[in-house]
Amino acid sequence: MNPATALATVLVDELVRCGLTDVVLAPGSRSAPLALALHAESRVRLHVRIDERSASYLALGLAKRAERPVALICSSGTATANFHPAVIEASEAGVPLLVLTADRPPELRGTGANQTIDQIKMYGTATRWFAEVGVPEDRPGQVAYWRSLACRAYQRAAGPANPGPVHLNLAFREPLIPDGDTTWSEPLDGGANGPWVRARVAPPPIALHIPPTRRGVLVVGDGAANVRRYVAAAGMAGWPVLSEPNGGARYGDHAISTYHYLLGTPEFADGHRPDVVVTLGRPGLSRPLLSWLRRTAEHIVVAPDLDRWPDPTRSATQVAQAVEIPVAAGDDSWLHAWRRADLAARSAVDEVLDASGLSEPRLARDLVDALPNGALLFSGSSMPIRDLDQAMRPRRGIRVMANRGASGIDGLVSTAMGAALAHNGPAFALLGDLSFLHDQNGLILGPREPRPDLCFVVVNNDGGGIFSLLPQAAVRGPFERVFGTPHGVDLGYAAAATGTPYTLVSEITELPKALRGEGPRVVEVRTDREENVLVHARLREAAQEAVRALLVD
């Protein structure tokens, strides 16, 4: 057996023994040993994509939803560089990826050989671990090295405290395909009952006990862990819960869905300073929330990994791997004040949305309301997730996800595809037009590839809608070209290029019917950027007016 085939066969087998179930492959020549080993491996689900960037985000979505490592493979050269944005997102969001890049052997590096670049630690600090595997050789000891290396890579990617991407660079000499010879200097077999090395998970950390208080607040952002346990504890303590849509805690009687408007009302924010705030995950959607956190006297951040904790406001007073929120005696006046204000703001928001016709925030609200229980909703990282944050009503039975690690708009079609493939149920994606066009290659599926049940709802305002809500909008002269960036693309033709079913929604009442279907499909909703600015202004004014009126009573 040639060394390249031996290494690929052993590596794939050991990763499967560790728990690997999905692999995404971008085809190439130098990665042929891995591709052939995977094609012959019936224990994994193989996904093939022609575009490395699309492949990497597909793997990101798979790993993010499944919450376990997914392998990502490509050939040498610039193919490896196309993985970098997804690797960064995986690092910032704590998503376990196993990045396996094929490479030329050392004697070809630095010589101008075809498709040869410097791939050593090419993803820099974005990986949890890097290993240059070395050129495989037919000598004793290689199998133990390869199998123990695979176990270490899988466990470093999986975490558990700090999951993220791991990079193995694999140098292969030719021949790159099996030669018919099955002999090797030592047995290639793995362990009799599982992985070569068994990693044991450490016991749960000792929780930080905080003094009992009724005047606490639980804030939940992207990437939060153990959400249900903390929401239940907050409920027993009488705390309001301020959860971003992708935080997974916007449900139940304690969920305050209009916190963006409440904390954007100075009279309310100043009069509702808590004794303590406990933060899970990475909140970052609402500027009023972040501003309010800066003025909090006691802010405890829960972070499973004490080497990396989110604190964008620099307001954390304590960081702990776990927190015990005790049941507190006392009346419910604190929670009741938040609930009353939330009800007033919610009524005002819904009244504006109901009168707005087909607006972007109304689309976000009504889309969530229309989804069946068990559905996944993947949101775009720019305006869609903010519209959900400001308009989504509390509800159970759905899972909301977004790429908010680095918050880029790239790779979102492919990430949604991956998340849908890992989800057991129907999936939907709410994306802006620029995000959709940025990654329209994600719609390309070969005839033998697994196809998810995924409906893309694309908000088309012919440009970058979020900029119209930012200070850049005041620079009227260059704004439209360098920020608004109108594209004039007919999304129906973009969908037709890949044979993806397409529907145009002209009225909000048409949405439920348009969402029906099977497999990948596109629903376009056209809106106007200038009107969107006015709707958001009316929402803010109506909600704040309702809250102020309540405070005066």
Protein backbone atom coordinates (compact mmCIF):
# COMPACT_ATOMS: atom_id res chain seq x y z
CA MET A 1 0.00 0.00 0.00
CA ASN A 2 1.36 3.41 -0.86
CA PRO A 3 1.90 5.76 2.12
CA ALA A 4 -0.67 8.38 1.01
CA THR A 5 -3.45 5.78 0.87
CA ALA A 6 -2.37 4.30 4.20
CA LEU A 7 -2.45 7.66 6.02
CA ALA A 8 -5.82 8.65 4.55
CA THR A 9 -7.41 5.28 5.33
CA VAL A 10 -6.18 5.24 8.93
CA LEU A 11 -7.02 8.89 9.58
CA VAL A 12 -10.58 8.61 8.29
CA ASP A 13 -11.19 5.41 10.24
CA GLU A 14 -9.93 6.91 13.51
CA LEU A 15 -11.97 10.09 13.14
CA VAL A 16 -15.08 7.98 12.60
CA ARG A 17 -14.23 5.99 15.72
CA CYS A 18 -14.05 9.30 17.60
CA GLY A 19 -17.57 10.19 16.51
CA LEU A 20 -17.26 11.90 13.11
CA THR A 21 -20.49 11.61 11.08
CA ASP A 22 -20.26 14.33 8.41
CA VAL A 23 -17.49 15.36 6.03
CA VAL A 24 -17.49 18.19 3.49
CA LEU A 25 -15.12 17.81 0.53
CA ALA A 26 -14.03 20.32 -2.11
CA PRO A 27 -12.49 18.22 -4.90
CA GLY A 28 -8.84 18.44 -5.95
CA SER A 29 -5.90 16.33 -6.97
CA ARG A 30 -3.57 16.45 -3.97
CA SER A 31 -6.43 15.55 -1.62
CA ALA A 32 -7.28 12.43 -3.67
CA PRO A 33 -6.20 9.97 -0.95
CA LEU A 34 -8.65 11.50 1.52
CA ALA A 35 -11.44 11.78 -1.06
CA LEU A 36 -11.16 8.13 -2.04
CA ALA A 37 -10.96 6.95 1.58
CA LEU A 38 -14.10 8.93 2.41
CA HIS A 39 -16.02 7.71 -0.62
CA ALA A 40 -15.37 4.15 0.54
CA GLU A 41 -16.39 4.92 4.15
CA SER A 42 -20.06 4.05 4.68
CA ARG A 43 -20.16 5.32 8.28
CA VAL A 44 -20.00 9.01 7.31
CA ARG A 45 -22.26 11.26 5.28
CA LEU A 46 -20.20 12.88 2.52
CA HIS A 47 -21.04 16.33 1.10
CA VAL A 48 -19.18 17.51 -2.03
CA ARG A 49 -19.05 21.17 -3.09
CA ILE A 50 -17.16 22.68 -6.03
CA ASP A 51 -16.47 25.98 -4.24
CA GLU A 52 -14.17 25.82 -1.20
CA ARG A 53 -15.71 28.85 0.49
CA SER A 54 -19.20 27.39 0.12
CA ALA A 55 -17.89 24.03 1.35
CA SER A 56 -16.37 25.59 4.45
CA TYR A 57 -19.55 27.40 5.44
CA LEU A 58 -21.59 24.27 4.77
CA ALA A 59 -19.36 22.46 7.27
CA LEU A 60 -19.76 25.37 9.67
CA GLY A 61 -23.55 25.11 9.53
CA LEU A 62 -23.46 21.34 9.97
CA ALA A 63 -21.19 21.57 13.01
CA LYS A 64 -23.03 24.52 14.52
CA ARG A 65 -26.41 22.79 14.45
CA ALA A 66 -25.16 19.29 15.29
CA GLU A 67 -22.84 20.63 18.02
CA ARG A 68 -20.11 18.15 17.13
CA PRO A 69 -17.02 18.24 14.88
CA VAL A 70 -17.41 18.13 11.11
CA ALA A 71 -14.41 17.49 8.84
CA LEU A 72 -13.61 19.87 6.00
CA ILE A 73 -11.19 18.79 3.25
CA CYS A 74 -9.56 20.48 0.26
CA SER A 75 -6.56 20.30 -2.02
CA SER A 76 -3.44 22.44 -1.74
CA GLY A 77 -2.88 26.05 -2.82
CA THR A 78 -5.46 28.84 -2.80
CA ALA A 79 -8.17 26.27 -2.10
CA THR A 80 -6.98 26.33 1.50
CA ALA A 81 -7.19 30.14 1.68
CA ASN A 82 -10.87 30.03 0.77
CA PHE A 83 -11.53 28.24 4.07
CA HIS A 84 -10.20 31.15 6.12
CA PRO A 85 -13.40 33.24 6.62
CA ALA A 86 -15.35 30.20 7.84
CA VAL A 87 -12.47 29.20 10.12
CA ILE A 88 -12.56 32.69 11.65
CA GLU A 89 -16.33 32.50 12.19
CA ALA A 90 -15.96 29.04 13.73
CA SER A 91 -13.26 30.32 16.06
CA GLU A 92 -15.24 33.34 17.23
CA ALA A 93 -18.48 31.37 17.59
CA GLY A 94 -16.91 28.29 19.17
CA VAL A 95 -17.94 25.87 16.41
CA PRO A 96 -15.97 22.58 16.17
CA LEU A 97 -14.36 22.15 12.73
CA LEU A 98 -11.68 19.68 11.64
CA VAL A 99 -9.88 21.37 8.75
CA LEU A 100 -7.79 18.89 6.75
CA THR A 101 -5.74 20.57 4.02
CA ALA A 102 -3.75 18.49 1.57
CA ASP A 103 -0.28 19.83 0.77
CA ARG A 104 2.75 19.26 -1.40
CA PRO A 105 5.68 17.45 0.26
CA PRO A 106 8.53 19.62 1.65
CA GLU A 107 10.80 19.13 -1.38
CA LEU A 108 8.28 20.94 -3.61
CA ARG A 109 7.70 23.91 -1.32
CA GLY A 110 9.32 27.20 -2.18
CA THR A 111 10.21 25.99 -5.67
CA GLY A 112 7.37 27.49 -7.68
CA ALA A 113 5.73 24.08 -8.01
CA ASN A 114 2.12 24.10 -9.14
CA GLN A 115 -0.48 24.85 -6.44
CA THR A 116 2.14 25.14 -3.71
CA ILE A 117 1.88 27.89 -1.10
CA ASP A 118 2.88 28.23 2.55
CA GLN A 119 0.14 26.39 4.45
CA ILE A 120 1.92 26.14 7.81
CA LYS A 121 -0.30 27.73 10.48
CA MET A 122 -2.03 29.62 7.69
CA TYR A 123 -5.14 30.30 9.81
CA GLY A 124 -3.04 31.90 12.56
CA THR A 125 -4.70 32.31 15.93
CA ALA A 126 -8.12 31.33 14.57
CA THR A 127 -7.44 27.64 15.27
CA ARG A 128 -7.46 25.92 18.63
CA TRP A 129 -4.59 23.68 17.47
CA PHE A 130 -2.43 23.12 14.40
CA ALA A 131 -0.35 20.11 13.37
CA GLU A 132 1.90 19.58 10.38
CA VAL A 133 1.27 15.86 10.02
CA GLY A 134 4.38 15.11 7.99
CA VAL A 135 4.87 12.98 4.89
CA PRO A 136 3.68 9.41 5.61
CA GLU A 137 6.28 6.65 5.47
CA ASP A 138 6.06 2.87 5.45
CA ARG A 139 7.73 2.15 8.79
CA PRO A 140 6.60 0.91 12.23
CA GLY A 141 5.10 3.48 14.57
CA GLN A 142 3.21 5.48 11.96
CA VAL A 143 -0.21 3.97 12.76
CA ALA A 144 0.02 4.85 16.47
CA TYR A 145 1.09 8.38 15.52
CA TRP A 146 -1.72 8.88 13.02
CA ARG A 147 -4.45 7.45 15.24
CA SER A 148 -3.39 9.32 18.38
CA LEU A 149 -3.11 12.50 16.31
CA ALA A 150 -6.67 12.04 14.99
CA CYS A 151 -7.99 11.56 18.54
CA ARG A 152 -6.21 14.67 19.76
CA ALA A 153 -7.51 16.73 16.82
CA TYR A 154 -11.10 15.56 17.34
CA GLN A 155 -11.07 16.28 21.06
CA ARG A 156 -9.41 19.68 20.68
CA ALA A 157 -12.10 20.65 18.14
CA ALA A 158 -14.94 19.29 20.30
CA GLY A 159 -13.88 21.17 23.42
CA PRO A 160 -15.79 20.71 25.62
CA ALA A 161 -14.95 24.03 27.30
CA ASN A 162 -13.54 25.77 24.24
CA PRO A 163 -14.68 24.13 20.98
CA GLY A 164 -13.42 25.50 17.69
CA PRO A 165 -11.45 24.78 14.52
CA VAL A 166 -8.41 22.50 14.40
CA HIS A 167 -6.09 22.43 11.38
CA LEU A 168 -4.19 19.37 10.18
CA ASN A 169 -1.90 19.97 7.19
CA LEU A 170 -1.27 16.70 5.33
CA ALA A 171 1.64 16.43 2.90
CA PHE A 172 1.17 13.68 0.33
CA ARG A 173 3.78 12.37 -2.10
CA GLU A 174 2.66 10.61 -5.25
CA PRO A 175 1.18 8.12 -5.96
CA LEU A 176 -2.09 9.58 -4.69
CA ILE A 177 -4.43 6.71 -5.57
CA PRO A 178 -4.47 3.06 -4.40
CA ASP A 179 -1.97 0.85 -6.19
CA GLY A 180 -3.62 -2.48 -5.51
CA ASP A 181 -1.05 -3.53 -2.91
CA THR A 182 -2.48 -4.02 0.60
CA THR A 183 0.73 -4.83 2.46
CA TRP A 184 2.15 -2.52 5.15
CA SER A 185 4.97 -2.78 7.68
CA GLU A 186 2.52 -3.00 10.61
CA PRO A 187 -1.23 -3.63 11.08
CA LEU A 188 -3.35 -0.66 10.08
CA ASP A 189 -6.21 -1.68 12.37
CA GLY A 190 -7.48 0.53 15.14
CA GLY A 191 -8.53 -0.27 18.67
CA ALA A 192 -10.86 -3.19 19.30
CA ASN A 193 -13.63 -1.15 20.93
CA GLY A 194 -13.50 2.45 19.81
CA PRO A 195 -10.96 5.25 19.46
CA TRP A 196 -7.21 4.82 19.95
CA VAL A 197 -7.21 7.33 22.82
CA ARG A 198 -10.26 7.84 25.04
CA ALA A 199 -10.65 11.41 26.32
CA ARG A 200 -12.46 11.79 29.61
CA VAL A 201 -14.59 14.87 30.22
CA ALA A 202 -13.82 16.74 33.44
CA PRO A 203 -16.56 16.99 36.10
CA PRO A 204 -18.80 20.07 35.97
CA PRO A 205 -17.23 23.20 37.47
CA ILE A 206 -18.26 24.42 40.90
CA ALA A 207 -20.88 27.14 40.41
CA LEU A 208 -20.47 30.67 41.70
CA HIS A 209 -23.20 31.30 44.27
CA ILE A 210 -24.60 34.82 44.19
CA PRO A 211 -26.63 36.44 46.98
CA PRO A 212 -30.42 36.02 46.68
CA THR A 213 -32.14 39.00 45.07
CA ARG A 214 -35.39 39.66 43.26
CA ARG A 215 -33.81 42.55 41.37
CA GLY A 216 -31.73 40.53 38.93
CA VAL A 217 -31.74 40.22 35.14
CA LEU A 218 -30.66 37.32 32.92
CA VAL A 219 -29.25 38.39 29.53
CA VAL A 220 -28.83 35.71 26.85
CA GLY A 221 -26.85 36.20 23.64
CA ASP A 222 -25.47 34.10 20.81
CA GLY A 223 -23.69 30.87 21.72
CA ALA A 224 -25.18 30.56 25.20
CA ALA A 225 -24.92 27.15 26.89
CA ASN A 226 -27.24 25.45 29.40
CA VAL A 227 -29.92 27.99 28.54
CA ARG A 228 -32.95 26.12 29.85
CA ARG A 229 -31.36 25.57 33.25
CA TYR A 230 -30.59 29.26 33.67
CA VAL A 231 -34.01 30.38 32.39
CA ALA A 232 -35.68 28.07 34.90
CA ALA A 233 -33.50 29.45 37.71
CA ALA A 234 -34.25 33.04 36.67
CA GLY A 235 -37.95 32.19 36.72
CA MET A 236 -37.70 30.86 40.28
CA ALA A 237 -35.83 34.00 41.32
CA GLY A 238 -38.35 36.36 39.70
CA TRP A 239 -35.91 37.79 37.16
CA PRO A 240 -36.80 39.09 33.70
CA VAL A 241 -35.02 37.36 30.81
CA LEU A 242 -33.63 39.51 27.96
CA SER A 243 -32.76 37.12 25.16
CA GLU A 244 -31.60 37.73 21.63
CA PRO A 245 -33.52 35.55 19.15
CA ASN A 246 -30.49 33.30 18.61
CA GLY A 247 -29.87 33.08 22.35
CA GLY A 248 -32.60 30.48 22.63
CA ALA A 249 -34.33 31.95 25.71
CA ARG A 250 -37.11 34.08 24.23
CA TYR A 251 -39.94 31.99 25.59
CA GLY A 252 -42.10 31.81 28.70
CA ASP A 253 -43.63 34.38 31.02
CA HIS A 254 -40.32 36.00 31.99
CA ALA A 255 -39.17 36.75 28.42
CA ILE A 256 -39.01 40.50 27.74
CA SER A 257 -39.12 40.69 23.95
CA THR A 258 -39.08 44.51 23.65
CA TYR A 259 -36.00 45.12 25.79
CA HIS A 260 -34.39 47.01 22.90
CA TYR A 261 -37.07 49.70 23.15
CA LEU A 262 -37.36 49.62 26.95
CA LEU A 263 -33.65 50.19 27.47
CA GLY A 264 -33.65 52.76 24.68
CA THR A 265 -36.05 54.81 26.80
CA PRO A 266 -33.81 56.67 29.29
CA GLU A 267 -36.54 57.03 31.90
CA PHE A 268 -37.05 53.27 32.00
CA ALA A 269 -33.37 52.31 31.74
CA ASP A 270 -32.36 54.68 34.55
CA GLY A 271 -35.21 53.55 36.79
CA HIS A 272 -34.61 49.83 36.33
CA ARG A 273 -31.00 49.28 37.36
CA PRO A 274 -30.65 45.76 38.79
CA ASP A 275 -28.66 44.46 41.71
CA VAL A 276 -26.99 41.96 39.39
CA VAL A 277 -26.97 40.95 35.72
CA VAL A 278 -25.96 37.44 34.63
CA THR A 279 -24.95 37.17 30.98
CA LEU A 280 -24.86 33.97 28.93
CA GLY A 281 -23.27 33.90 25.47
CA ARG A 282 -22.33 36.97 23.46
CA PRO A 283 -24.99 39.72 23.35
CA GLY A 284 -24.33 42.28 20.65
CA LEU A 285 -27.48 43.15 18.69
CA SER A 286 -28.94 45.99 20.75
CA ARG A 287 -26.97 49.15 21.43
CA PRO A 288 -29.37 50.22 24.20
CA LEU A 289 -28.75 46.90 25.95
CA LEU A 290 -24.98 47.26 25.68
CA SER A 291 -25.17 50.84 26.95
CA TRP A 292 -27.31 49.71 29.90
CA LEU A 293 -24.83 46.94 30.75
CA ARG A 294 -22.04 49.52 31.02
CA ARG A 295 -23.93 51.15 33.91
CA THR A 296 -24.63 47.92 35.78
CA ALA A 297 -23.01 47.70 39.22
CA GLU A 298 -22.63 43.90 39.29
CA HIS A 299 -22.27 42.07 35.96
CA ILE A 300 -21.43 38.35 36.03
CA VAL A 301 -20.40 36.73 32.74
CA VAL A 302 -20.85 32.97 32.44
CA ALA A 303 -18.11 31.49 30.25
CA PRO A 304 -17.29 27.76 30.06
CA ASP A 305 -13.71 28.65 29.12
CA LEU A 306 -12.05 31.14 31.45
CA ASP A 307 -9.40 31.89 28.85
CA ARG A 308 -12.03 33.39 26.55
CA TRP A 309 -15.02 35.31 27.86
CA PRO A 310 -17.28 37.77 26.04
CA ASP A 311 -17.32 41.26 27.54
CA PRO A 312 -17.63 43.83 24.72
CA THR A 313 -18.76 46.54 27.14
CA ARG A 314 -15.86 45.98 29.56
CA SER A 315 -18.48 45.91 32.31
CA ALA A 316 -17.93 42.41 33.72
CA THR A 317 -17.20 42.40 37.44
CA GLN A 318 -16.94 38.60 37.73
CA VAL A 319 -16.45 35.74 35.28
CA ALA A 320 -17.45 32.19 36.19
CA GLN A 321 -17.82 28.85 34.42
CA ALA A 322 -21.20 28.39 36.09
CA VAL A 323 -23.48 30.46 38.31
CA GLU A 324 -26.07 29.41 40.86
CA ILE A 325 -29.08 31.75 40.79
CA PRO A 326 -30.82 31.16 44.13
CA VAL A 327 -34.55 31.38 44.80
CA ALA A 328 -35.20 34.76 46.43
CA ALA A 329 -38.00 35.76 48.78
CA GLY A 330 -39.92 38.97 48.24
CA ASP A 331 -42.66 40.44 46.09
CA ASP A 332 -42.86 40.43 42.30
CA SER A 333 -42.83 44.21 41.86
CA TRP A 334 -39.50 44.12 39.96
CA LEU A 335 -40.62 41.52 37.46
CA HIS A 336 -44.09 43.04 37.27
CA ALA A 337 -42.62 46.43 36.28
CA TRP A 338 -40.67 44.85 33.43
CA ARG A 339 -43.69 42.87 32.28
CA ARG A 340 -46.02 45.86 32.28
CA ALA A 341 -43.55 47.91 30.27
CA ASP A 342 -42.96 45.00 27.87
CA LEU A 343 -46.70 44.59 27.32
CA ALA A 344 -47.13 48.30 26.60
CA ALA A 345 -44.19 48.39 24.19
CA ARG A 346 -45.27 45.15 22.52
CA SER A 347 -48.78 46.47 21.90
CA ALA A 348 -47.35 49.66 20.38
CA VAL A 349 -44.88 47.74 18.21
CA ASP A 350 -47.52 45.33 16.93
CA GLU A 351 -49.90 48.18 16.16
CA VAL A 352 -47.26 49.91 14.01
CA LEU A 353 -46.32 46.65 12.27
CA ASP A 354 -49.92 45.72 11.55
CA ALA A 355 -50.40 49.11 9.88
CA SER A 356 -47.12 49.00 7.95
CA GLY A 357 -48.10 46.52 5.28
CA LEU A 358 -45.21 44.51 3.89
CA SER A 359 -42.28 45.86 5.94
CA GLU A 360 -39.04 44.16 6.90
CA PRO A 361 -39.67 43.99 10.66
CA ARG A 362 -43.22 42.78 10.08
CA LEU A 363 -41.89 40.06 7.80
CA ALA A 364 -39.52 38.97 10.58
CA ARG A 365 -42.33 38.90 13.16
CA ASP A 366 -44.86 37.14 10.96
CA LEU A 367 -42.33 34.62 9.66
CA VAL A 368 -41.56 33.44 13.19
CA ASP A 369 -45.26 33.24 13.99
CA ALA A 370 -45.88 31.15 10.85
CA LEU A 371 -43.16 28.53 11.45
CA PRO A 372 -44.22 25.06 12.59
CA ASN A 373 -43.03 23.62 15.88
CA GLY A 374 -39.70 21.89 15.46
CA ALA A 375 -38.53 24.32 12.79
CA LEU A 376 -35.06 25.81 12.43
CA LEU A 377 -34.73 29.47 11.45
CA PHE A 378 -31.30 30.60 10.26
CA SER A 379 -30.99 34.38 10.17
CA GLY A 380 -28.77 36.75 8.25
CA SER A 381 -26.18 38.56 10.35
CA SER A 382 -27.06 42.14 9.44
CA MET A 383 -30.63 43.51 9.35
CA PRO A 384 -32.60 40.22 9.52
CA ILE A 385 -31.31 39.25 12.97
CA ARG A 386 -31.89 42.81 14.22
CA ASP A 387 -35.42 42.83 12.84
CA LEU A 388 -36.02 39.55 14.64
CA ASP A 389 -34.58 41.01 17.83
CA GLN A 390 -36.85 44.04 17.70
CA ALA A 391 -40.03 42.42 16.35
CA MET A 392 -40.08 38.73 17.32
CA ARG A 393 -42.65 37.76 19.91
CA PRO A 394 -41.82 35.12 22.53
CA ARG A 395 -42.54 31.57 21.44
CA ARG A 396 -41.46 28.01 22.00
CA GLY A 397 -40.82 25.24 19.52
CA ILE A 398 -38.30 26.79 17.13
CA ARG A 399 -34.52 27.08 17.00
CA VAL A 400 -33.01 30.38 15.79
CA MET A 401 -29.39 30.46 14.62
CA ALA A 402 -27.08 33.05 13.04
CA ASN A 403 -23.40 33.53 12.25
CA ARG A 404 -22.70 36.10 14.95
CA GLY A 405 -19.14 35.07 15.83
CA ALA A 406 -17.59 37.52 13.40
CA SER A 407 -21.01 38.72 12.14
CA GLY A 408 -20.08 38.63 8.47
CA ILE A 409 -22.58 38.37 5.63
CA ASP A 410 -20.44 35.88 3.69
CA GLY A 411 -21.28 32.20 3.40
CA LEU A 412 -24.80 32.47 4.77
CA VAL A 413 -26.57 30.43 2.09
CA SER A 414 -24.09 27.59 2.62
CA THR A 415 -24.23 27.84 6.41
CA ALA A 416 -28.02 27.64 6.29
CA MET A 417 -27.73 24.60 4.01
CA GLY A 418 -25.41 22.89 6.48
CA ALA A 419 -27.56 23.71 9.50
CA ALA A 420 -30.65 22.43 7.68
CA LEU A 421 -28.88 19.17 6.81
CA ALA A 422 -28.09 18.65 10.49
CA HIS A 423 -31.58 19.62 11.68
CA ASN A 424 -34.29 17.04 12.23
CA GLY A 425 -37.22 18.98 10.85
CA PRO A 426 -38.12 21.78 8.43
CA ALA A 427 -35.68 24.66 8.07
CA PHE A 428 -36.01 28.26 6.98
CA ALA A 429 -33.54 31.10 6.39
CA LEU A 430 -34.20 34.84 6.54
CA LEU A 431 -31.52 36.62 4.50
CA GLY A 432 -30.92 39.99 2.92
CA ASP A 433 -30.39 40.29 -0.82
CA LEU A 434 -26.68 41.12 -0.57
CA SER A 435 -26.04 38.13 1.71
CA PHE A 436 -27.95 35.90 -0.69
CA LEU A 437 -26.02 37.13 -3.74
CA HIS A 438 -22.70 36.99 -1.86
CA ASP A 439 -23.10 33.22 -1.49
CA GLN A 440 -25.42 32.16 -4.29
CA ASN A 441 -22.94 29.35 -5.07
CA GLY A 442 -24.37 27.71 -1.98
CA LEU A 443 -27.44 26.77 -4.06
CA ILE A 444 -25.33 24.53 -6.29
CA LEU A 445 -26.05 20.91 -5.35
CA GLY A 446 -24.87 17.92 -7.33
CA PRO A 447 -27.45 15.25 -8.22
CA ARG A 448 -26.06 12.81 -5.63
CA GLU A 449 -25.77 15.28 -2.73
CA PRO A 450 -28.06 15.25 0.32
CA ARG A 451 -30.74 17.91 -0.10
CA PRO A 452 -32.16 19.73 2.92
CA ASP A 453 -35.75 20.84 3.45
CA LEU A 454 -34.88 24.55 3.46
CA CYS A 455 -36.85 27.63 2.43
CA PHE A 456 -34.83 30.82 1.86
CA VAL A 457 -36.86 33.96 2.56
CA VAL A 458 -34.87 36.74 0.89
CA VAL A 459 -35.59 40.39 1.70
CA ASN A 460 -34.72 42.31 -1.46
CA ASN A 461 -34.37 46.07 -0.94
CA ASP A 462 -31.83 46.32 -3.78
CA GLY A 463 -28.82 46.98 -1.59
CA GLY A 464 -27.41 47.15 1.91
CA GLY A 465 -30.39 48.14 4.01
CA ILE A 466 -28.57 48.40 7.33
CA PHE A 467 -26.50 51.37 6.12
CA SER A 468 -29.66 53.44 5.75
CA LEU A 469 -30.06 53.17 9.53
CA LEU A 470 -26.46 54.16 10.29
CA PRO A 471 -24.72 57.58 10.31
CA GLN A 472 -23.39 56.90 6.81
CA ALA A 473 -26.88 57.65 5.48
CA ALA A 474 -26.29 61.35 6.18
CA VAL A 475 -23.55 61.45 3.53
CA ARG A 476 -26.05 61.75 0.70
CA GLY A 477 -23.71 62.27 -2.24
CA PRO A 478 -21.67 59.04 -2.28
CA PHE A 479 -24.07 57.04 -0.09
CA GLU A 480 -25.95 55.10 -2.74
CA ARG A 481 -22.87 53.91 -4.61
CA VAL A 482 -20.46 53.09 -1.78
CA PHE A 483 -22.92 52.05 0.96
CA GLY A 484 -26.34 51.39 -0.57
CA THR A 485 -24.75 49.37 -3.42
CA PRO A 486 -27.83 48.66 -5.55
CA HIS A 487 -27.37 45.56 -7.69
CA GLY A 488 -30.47 45.33 -9.88
CA VAL A 489 -30.32 41.51 -9.93
CA ASP A 490 -33.51 39.57 -10.65
CA LEU A 491 -33.41 36.94 -7.90
CA GLY A 492 -35.82 34.77 -9.85
CA TYR A 493 -33.17 34.28 -12.53
CA ALA A 494 -30.51 33.65 -9.87
CA ALA A 495 -32.65 30.86 -8.45
CA ALA A 496 -33.43 29.51 -11.93
CA ALA A 497 -29.71 29.16 -12.68
CA THR A 498 -29.54 26.30 -10.18
CA GLY A 499 -33.06 24.98 -10.76
CA THR A 500 -34.20 26.19 -7.34
CA PRO A 501 -37.98 26.73 -7.03
CA TYR A 502 -38.83 30.43 -6.64
CA THR A 503 -41.83 32.45 -5.39
CA LEU A 504 -42.33 36.21 -5.22
CA VAL A 505 -44.41 37.50 -2.29
CA SER A 506 -46.16 40.83 -2.92
CA GLU A 507 -48.45 40.92 0.13
CA ILE A 508 -47.71 39.79 3.68
CA THR A 509 -50.83 37.60 3.61
CA GLU A 510 -49.20 35.50 0.88
CA LEU A 511 -46.32 34.45 3.14
CA PRO A 512 -47.76 31.30 4.80
CA LYS A 513 -48.63 29.73 1.45
CA ALA A 514 -45.30 30.71 -0.09
CA LEU A 515 -43.39 28.97 2.71
CA ARG A 516 -44.86 25.58 1.83
CA GLY A 517 -42.84 23.11 -0.16
CA GLU A 518 -40.01 20.63 0.05
CA GLY A 519 -36.29 20.79 -0.57
CA PRO A 520 -34.30 23.99 -1.22
CA ARG A 521 -36.51 26.85 -2.45
CA VAL A 522 -36.45 30.65 -2.55
CA VAL A 523 -39.15 33.10 -1.50
CA GLU A 524 -38.41 36.72 -2.42
CA VAL A 525 -39.96 39.66 -0.58
CA ARG A 526 -39.30 43.08 -2.10
CA THR A 527 -39.12 46.11 0.17
CA ASP A 528 -38.01 49.74 0.01
CA ARG A 529 -34.96 50.93 1.98
CA GLU A 530 -36.23 54.45 2.61
CA GLU A 531 -39.61 53.20 3.79
CA ASN A 532 -37.80 50.73 6.04
CA VAL A 533 -36.04 53.62 7.79
CA LEU A 534 -39.40 55.29 8.44
CA VAL A 535 -40.95 52.08 9.81
CA HIS A 536 -38.08 51.62 12.25
CA ALA A 537 -38.44 55.22 13.40
CA ARG A 538 -42.18 54.76 13.96
CA LEU A 539 -41.53 51.59 15.94
CA ARG A 540 -39.05 53.33 18.22
CA GLU A 541 -41.26 56.39 18.74
CA ALA A 542 -44.42 54.38 19.41
CA ALA A 543 -42.75 51.97 21.83
CA GLN A 544 -40.99 54.71 23.79
CA GLU A 545 -44.14 56.83 23.94
CA ALA A 546 -46.07 53.86 25.34
CA VAL A 547 -43.40 53.18 27.96
CA ARG A 548 -43.22 56.82 29.02
CA ALA A 549 -46.99 56.99 29.34
CA LEU A 550 -46.89 53.92 31.57
CA LEU A 551 -44.19 55.42 33.78
CA VAL A 552 -46.22 58.60 34.27
CA ASP A 553 -49.32 56.70 35.49
